[in-house]
Amino acid sequence: MKLAFSSNAFLRYSIETTIARVAALGYRGIELLADVPHAWPAGLLEEQKQSIRDALAKHRLAISNINAFMMNAVADPRQPYWHPSWIEPDPHYRAIRREHTKRALQLAHDLGAPHISTEPGGPLATGQPWQAAADVFYNELMPCIELAEKLDVSLLIEPEPGLLIERFDQYLEFVARIDSPRIGLNFDIGHAYCVGEDPQHWVAKMQDHTRHYHLEDIADTRVHQHLVPGRGAIDFAATLAAIQRTGYTGWLTVELYPYIDDPDAAASEAKQFLEQQ
């Protein structure tokens, strides 16, 4: 089991300090947040990229994934992770998401990361039909797919409750339009649980699409609030066993961004729990 930890729980620390702390906790990998304060691509100088490379080498950490989902740098008051989305009514505003994704793909290439993850469309606007929004998402995403192919980096869609693509059947319907080896799935087990798709039942069904996993727990209410693995209702033993049966050898990244007050304790508890399953 290759465990990584997402840097988005360490928003009060520099990326270099975060790398050191994650390594000290015993993780083998780190998910790099392509956002402030860690690696916002639009403002990242070559010297800063080299500093990240140096820190990774010093602490012997690999990049499990580049998280291009969150966009705190834009600071949209509605929800700073989701906006600007791929399906904003204003084409100029949604272009910020598209160009950010292109820069994140280039960052992944520059740092040797295998893939980036992005939001699954965004929240539907009032009166916006699902199919019409999916068409907008497709048109905005395709230039990024073309760049991903050129850079040999994969682009992973992460279904999320409340957004355009919430469920795996919606993901499959959408990606059926895209003929590219560089499109894939970021399988977030907590998100699946929130929409009633218990992850242990979906791992095998989605294995041909899954390139990366996010791990977190969710309460039995299925409300979307990330918890430390072991504190909620997800059957981790069954889910990890299902992943193992598929022959998956990639990264399992623990994502606990709500725990910014004490990310070290959350990361340590999660690692201990997961290694006991």
Foldseek 3Di string as FASTA:
>chain_A
DQEEAECLLALVDEQLVSLVLRLVLPHQEYAFECEPPYNVLVPADPVSLVSNLVSCVVSNHYHQEHELQFYCVVVDVVDRRQPPFLQPPDPVRNVVSLVSLLSVLVSCLVNVHQEYEYEQQGADDVPRDLVNSLVSSVVSCVVSLVSCVVSNHAYAYEAAPRTSRQEPVSVVVSCVVPDHPRYAHAAEQLSCVLVPNQQLNCCVVRVVRHDHYEDFADAPVSPPAGHQPPPHDRPLVSNVVSNVVVVDDGYYYYYHNVNNVCVSVSSSVNVVVNVVD
